[in-house]
Amino acid sequence: MGETERKKTTEVPAPTTEVYATQALATPEKTDPSNAFSWSTHVCRNKGIFNPNTYSAQQLKDTYYLWFEFNSIVELEDATLDSPDEWTLEYINRKSAKLDADYRKATKRLLGLQLVPVKFWEKVRDLKTKELDESYALKKLTIEAYKTPGILLNQPYSKNCQAYANALASEDSVALFNAWKNHMEEQKKRTLAPDRVEAEFNRQRNSPQRLLYAKVELMKFGWWNCAVDQLKYNGASQEMPMEEEFDKLFLKITDECDDVD
């Protein structure tokens, strides 16, 4: 492991980070070790000294959570089923209720964060809120489609996924199986083990539950993957320079990082 130290050379964040006017009366920098905040990234443990007259430890904690820990994908219940055995009204309703509860909890947590008073972080929160809302809407649609597949038709998410939506909404089992087979052939082209993909397809096709297998596979690996690609805000916040902006909140940072080959 290696240890490095990065020292700030300015008394305020860089010009690209706009601090609210309420911070104009901040006192000069303090380097009292009690004004330290610790956090981790993927390979580093970090410790920074901050000016307590500019930010509080709670604001730094919540801002770190926004940057590094909040992820709308893992905050919300999964939208798809894994097997035909899960295709029951009770299970689907339970997933739908869990998704609603997750969304309410995540929204309350996100909007209640005490962020450092910097406009950049409000922009990040806005993007993550939009990402959460969008993810919830798609997951809700997908879960409810297990009960009423016709709702997949003419949706903005299905812009480039009409083949999957049509097959899942159709009452024609031949059309469903043809779409399933076409999907399997596309999967074979994208894998290093095409024989394994076809063998699994044949196993499921010969099962008494083949109709449900077709729907499960087309929903999870067809419709869902295709629809996610149509989301506007999916991952948008990750394009923001959050780590760089977080570092700017400290007067001095010490890193202890694992060696990465």
Protein backbone atom coordinates (compact mmCIF):
# COMPACT_ATOMS: atom_id res chain seq x y z
CA MET A 1 0.00 0.00 0.00
CA GLY A 2 1.09 3.56 -0.63
CA GLU A 3 0.32 6.81 1.14
CA THR A 4 0.14 10.22 -0.48
CA GLU A 5 -0.76 13.69 0.67
CA ARG A 6 -2.50 16.37 -1.37
CA LYS A 7 -2.53 19.93 -0.02
CA LYS A 8 -4.91 22.67 -1.04
CA THR A 9 -3.27 25.90 -2.13
CA THR A 10 -6.36 28.09 -2.23
CA GLU A 11 -8.66 29.24 0.54
CA VAL A 12 -11.89 28.70 -1.39
CA PRO A 13 -13.04 26.10 -3.93
CA ALA A 14 -11.88 26.56 -7.51
CA PRO A 15 -13.90 29.04 -9.62
CA THR A 16 -15.76 26.24 -11.37
CA THR A 17 -17.39 25.33 -8.06
CA GLU A 18 -19.83 28.12 -7.17
CA VAL A 19 -20.42 28.53 -3.42
CA TYR A 20 -23.66 30.12 -2.21
CA ALA A 21 -23.48 33.67 -0.91
CA THR A 22 -24.12 32.51 2.67
CA GLN A 23 -20.53 31.24 2.75
CA ALA A 24 -19.00 34.65 2.08
CA LEU A 25 -18.26 35.22 5.79
CA ALA A 26 -16.33 31.97 6.25
CA THR A 27 -13.30 32.41 8.48
CA PRO A 28 -9.76 31.56 7.42
CA GLU A 29 -8.78 27.93 7.01
CA LYS A 30 -8.38 25.77 10.07
CA THR A 31 -6.30 22.64 10.11
CA ASP A 32 -7.27 21.32 13.56
CA PRO A 33 -7.28 17.49 13.21
CA SER A 34 -10.71 17.48 14.87
CA ASN A 35 -12.00 19.04 11.66
CA ALA A 36 -11.26 15.84 9.77
CA PHE A 37 -13.59 13.77 7.62
CA SER A 38 -12.81 10.23 6.44
CA TRP A 39 -14.24 8.40 3.45
CA SER A 40 -13.42 5.51 1.14
CA THR A 41 -13.34 5.02 -2.59
CA HIS A 42 -12.83 1.72 -4.41
CA VAL A 43 -9.15 1.33 -3.52
CA CYS A 44 -8.37 4.24 -1.18
CA ARG A 45 -9.09 5.34 2.36
CA ASN A 46 -9.11 9.12 2.46
CA LYS A 47 -8.90 11.68 5.22
CA GLY A 48 -9.48 15.37 4.61
CA ILE A 49 -9.24 18.49 6.74
CA PHE A 50 -12.11 20.92 6.21
CA ASN A 51 -13.08 24.39 7.40
CA PRO A 52 -16.00 23.90 9.84
CA ASN A 53 -17.15 27.46 9.21
CA THR A 54 -17.79 26.56 5.58
CA TYR A 55 -19.15 22.99 5.77
CA SER A 56 -20.33 20.70 8.54
CA ALA A 57 -19.38 17.05 8.97
CA GLN A 58 -23.02 16.11 8.31
CA GLN A 59 -23.02 18.04 5.04
CA LEU A 60 -19.85 16.26 3.96
CA LYS A 61 -21.30 12.89 4.97
CA ASP A 62 -24.49 13.47 3.00
CA THR A 63 -22.60 14.82 -0.01
CA TYR A 64 -20.33 11.75 0.00
CA TYR A 65 -23.43 9.54 0.17
CA LEU A 66 -24.91 11.36 -2.83
CA TRP A 67 -21.71 10.97 -4.83
CA PHE A 68 -20.52 7.50 -3.94
CA GLU A 69 -23.31 5.48 -2.36
CA PHE A 70 -26.68 6.48 -3.78
CA ASN A 71 -27.57 4.40 -6.84
CA SER A 72 -31.14 4.29 -8.12
CA ILE A 73 -30.61 0.83 -9.61
CA VAL A 74 -29.85 -0.81 -6.28
CA GLU A 75 -32.22 1.41 -4.29
CA LEU A 76 -35.26 0.02 -6.11
CA GLU A 77 -36.73 -3.48 -6.28
CA ASP A 78 -35.76 -5.49 -9.36
CA ALA A 79 -38.33 -5.28 -12.12
CA THR A 80 -38.00 -8.71 -13.72
CA LEU A 81 -38.75 -12.30 -12.76
CA ASP A 82 -36.07 -14.97 -12.75
CA SER A 83 -38.12 -18.11 -13.32
CA PRO A 84 -41.62 -19.34 -14.26
CA ASP A 85 -42.21 -20.29 -10.62
CA GLU A 86 -42.23 -16.59 -9.72
CA TRP A 87 -44.98 -15.82 -12.23
CA THR A 88 -47.84 -15.70 -9.74
CA LEU A 89 -50.21 -12.85 -8.99
CA GLU A 90 -49.20 -12.85 -5.32
CA TYR A 91 -45.48 -12.62 -6.09
CA ILE A 92 -45.91 -9.93 -8.74
CA ASN A 93 -48.12 -7.81 -6.48
CA ARG A 94 -45.56 -8.15 -3.70
CA LYS A 95 -42.80 -6.96 -6.01
CA SER A 96 -44.92 -4.01 -7.11
CA ALA A 97 -45.64 -2.99 -3.52
CA LYS A 98 -41.96 -3.36 -2.61
CA LEU A 99 -40.99 -1.15 -5.54
CA ASP A 100 -43.42 1.55 -4.40
CA ALA A 101 -42.04 1.43 -0.84
CA ASP A 102 -38.44 1.55 -2.09
CA TYR A 103 -39.22 4.54 -4.27
CA ARG A 104 -40.84 6.49 -1.44
CA LYS A 105 -37.93 5.72 0.88
CA ALA A 106 -35.24 6.58 -1.69
CA THR A 107 -36.98 9.82 -2.69
CA LYS A 108 -37.30 10.94 0.91
CA ARG A 109 -33.66 10.11 1.58
CA LEU A 110 -32.41 11.85 -1.55
CA LEU A 111 -34.40 15.05 -1.06
CA GLY A 112 -33.56 15.18 2.64
CA LEU A 113 -29.78 15.14 2.22
CA GLN A 114 -27.97 18.08 3.83
CA LEU A 115 -25.55 18.83 1.03
CA VAL A 116 -22.64 21.24 1.17
CA PRO A 117 -23.95 24.61 -0.09
CA VAL A 118 -22.42 24.32 -3.55
CA LYS A 119 -24.52 24.51 -6.71
CA PHE A 120 -22.63 21.63 -8.33
CA TRP A 121 -24.00 19.20 -5.76
CA GLU A 122 -27.55 20.46 -6.18
CA LYS A 123 -27.15 19.72 -9.87
CA VAL A 124 -26.00 16.19 -9.04
CA ARG A 125 -28.99 15.70 -6.75
CA ASP A 126 -31.32 16.96 -9.48
CA LEU A 127 -29.87 14.47 -11.98
CA LYS A 128 -30.06 11.59 -9.51
CA THR A 129 -33.66 12.49 -8.67
CA LYS A 130 -34.59 12.43 -12.34
CA GLU A 131 -32.74 9.14 -12.75
CA LEU A 132 -34.62 7.66 -9.77
CA ASP A 133 -38.00 8.85 -11.10
CA GLU A 134 -37.28 7.49 -14.55
CA SER A 135 -36.03 4.15 -13.24
CA TYR A 136 -39.09 3.78 -11.03
CA ALA A 137 -41.46 4.50 -13.92
CA LEU A 138 -39.85 1.86 -16.12
CA LYS A 139 -39.70 -0.72 -13.35
CA LYS A 140 -43.33 -0.11 -12.41
CA LEU A 141 -44.39 -0.49 -16.04
CA THR A 142 -42.39 -3.71 -16.40
CA ILE A 143 -43.71 -5.33 -13.22
CA GLU A 144 -47.31 -4.46 -14.07
CA ALA A 145 -46.79 -5.83 -17.59
CA TYR A 146 -46.47 -9.32 -16.15
CA LYS A 147 -50.18 -9.02 -15.33
CA THR A 148 -51.24 -6.88 -18.29
CA PRO A 149 -48.66 -7.23 -21.11
CA GLY A 150 -50.66 -5.01 -23.45
CA ILE A 151 -49.48 -1.94 -21.52
CA LEU A 152 -46.06 -2.37 -23.13
CA LEU A 153 -47.46 -1.27 -26.47
CA ASN A 154 -47.06 2.35 -27.58
CA GLN A 155 -44.83 3.28 -24.66
CA PRO A 156 -41.97 5.79 -25.05
CA TYR A 157 -39.64 3.15 -23.59
CA SER A 158 -40.52 0.75 -26.38
CA LYS A 159 -39.30 3.09 -29.11
CA ASN A 160 -36.72 0.58 -30.30
CA CYS A 161 -38.20 -2.46 -28.52
CA GLN A 162 -41.42 -2.97 -30.45
CA ALA A 163 -40.63 -6.57 -31.40
CA TYR A 164 -40.42 -7.58 -27.75
CA ALA A 165 -43.50 -5.57 -26.78
CA ASN A 166 -45.54 -7.05 -29.63
CA ALA A 167 -44.52 -10.63 -28.80
CA LEU A 168 -45.21 -10.30 -25.08
CA ALA A 169 -48.57 -8.61 -25.64
CA SER A 170 -49.67 -11.09 -28.31
CA GLU A 171 -52.02 -13.99 -27.57
CA ASP A 172 -50.42 -15.91 -30.44
CA SER A 173 -48.06 -18.48 -28.91
CA VAL A 174 -46.40 -19.08 -32.29
CA ALA A 175 -45.43 -15.39 -32.51
CA LEU A 176 -44.16 -15.57 -28.93
CA PHE A 177 -42.00 -18.62 -29.58
CA ASN A 178 -40.65 -17.15 -32.83
CA ALA A 179 -39.60 -13.98 -31.01
CA TRP A 180 -37.99 -16.10 -28.30
CA LYS A 181 -36.03 -18.11 -30.85
CA ASN A 182 -34.91 -14.94 -32.64
CA HIS A 183 -33.77 -13.52 -29.34
CA MET A 184 -31.80 -16.71 -28.62
CA GLU A 185 -30.07 -16.45 -31.99
CA GLU A 186 -29.07 -12.86 -31.22
CA GLN A 187 -27.69 -13.94 -27.84
CA LYS A 188 -25.59 -16.62 -29.52
CA LYS A 189 -23.89 -13.93 -31.61
CA ARG A 190 -22.85 -12.00 -28.48
CA THR A 191 -21.44 -14.83 -26.40
CA LEU A 192 -18.32 -16.97 -26.38
CA ALA A 193 -20.45 -20.03 -25.57
CA PRO A 194 -23.22 -20.12 -28.24
CA ASP A 195 -23.72 -23.87 -27.82
CA ARG A 196 -24.54 -23.40 -24.15
CA VAL A 197 -27.09 -20.70 -24.99
CA GLU A 198 -28.83 -22.96 -27.51
CA ALA A 199 -28.76 -25.96 -25.17
CA GLU A 200 -30.46 -23.93 -22.43
CA PHE A 201 -33.02 -22.67 -24.92
CA ASN A 202 -33.82 -26.23 -26.01
CA ARG A 203 -34.13 -27.37 -22.39
CA GLN A 204 -36.62 -24.63 -21.64
CA ARG A 205 -38.51 -25.09 -24.91
CA ASN A 206 -39.07 -28.77 -24.07
CA SER A 207 -40.32 -27.97 -20.59
CA PRO A 208 -44.03 -28.09 -19.67
CA GLN A 209 -43.52 -24.46 -18.60
CA ARG A 210 -42.16 -23.44 -22.00
CA LEU A 211 -44.75 -20.69 -22.47
CA LEU A 212 -43.72 -19.02 -19.21
CA TYR A 213 -40.05 -19.58 -19.97
CA ALA A 214 -40.53 -17.73 -23.24
CA LYS A 215 -42.17 -14.80 -21.48
CA VAL A 216 -39.59 -14.70 -18.67
CA GLU A 217 -36.68 -14.70 -21.10
CA LEU A 218 -38.19 -12.14 -23.46
CA MET A 219 -39.14 -9.82 -20.61
CA LYS A 220 -35.88 -10.01 -18.68
CA PHE A 221 -33.27 -10.21 -21.42
CA GLY A 222 -35.25 -8.76 -24.30
CA TRP A 223 -37.67 -6.03 -23.30
CA TRP A 224 -35.91 -4.90 -20.12
CA ASN A 225 -32.40 -4.62 -21.57
CA CYS A 226 -33.76 -2.86 -24.64
CA ALA A 227 -35.93 -0.44 -22.67
CA VAL A 228 -33.12 0.53 -20.29
CA ASP A 229 -31.13 1.70 -23.30
CA GLN A 230 -33.91 4.22 -24.02
CA LEU A 231 -33.68 5.94 -20.62
CA LYS A 232 -32.64 9.58 -20.79
CA TYR A 233 -31.05 10.01 -17.38
CA ASN A 234 -29.62 6.54 -16.77
CA GLY A 235 -26.06 7.15 -15.54
CA ALA A 236 -26.16 10.87 -16.38
CA SER A 237 -24.86 11.86 -12.95
CA GLN A 238 -21.83 9.60 -13.41
CA GLU A 239 -20.60 11.92 -16.15
CA MET A 240 -20.25 14.71 -13.59
CA PRO A 241 -16.73 15.16 -12.10
CA MET A 242 -17.94 14.27 -8.60
CA GLU A 243 -14.69 12.97 -7.15
CA GLU A 244 -12.78 16.05 -8.27
CA GLU A 245 -15.43 18.38 -6.86
CA PHE A 246 -15.56 16.48 -3.58
CA ASP A 247 -11.79 16.85 -3.17
CA LYS A 248 -12.18 20.62 -3.57
CA LEU A 249 -14.14 20.74 -0.31
CA PHE A 250 -11.00 20.05 1.74
CA LEU A 251 -7.95 22.05 2.72
CA LYS A 252 -5.73 18.97 2.75
CA ILE A 253 -6.28 15.31 1.85
CA THR A 254 -4.26 12.26 2.83
CA ASP A 255 -4.81 9.03 0.87
CA GLU A 256 -3.92 5.46 1.75
CA CYS A 257 -4.43 3.32 -1.32
CA ASP A 258 -4.06 -0.34 -2.16
CA ASP A 259 -1.58 -1.23 -4.88
CA VAL A 260 -3.40 -2.10 -8.09
CA ASP A 261 -1.62 -4.27 -10.63
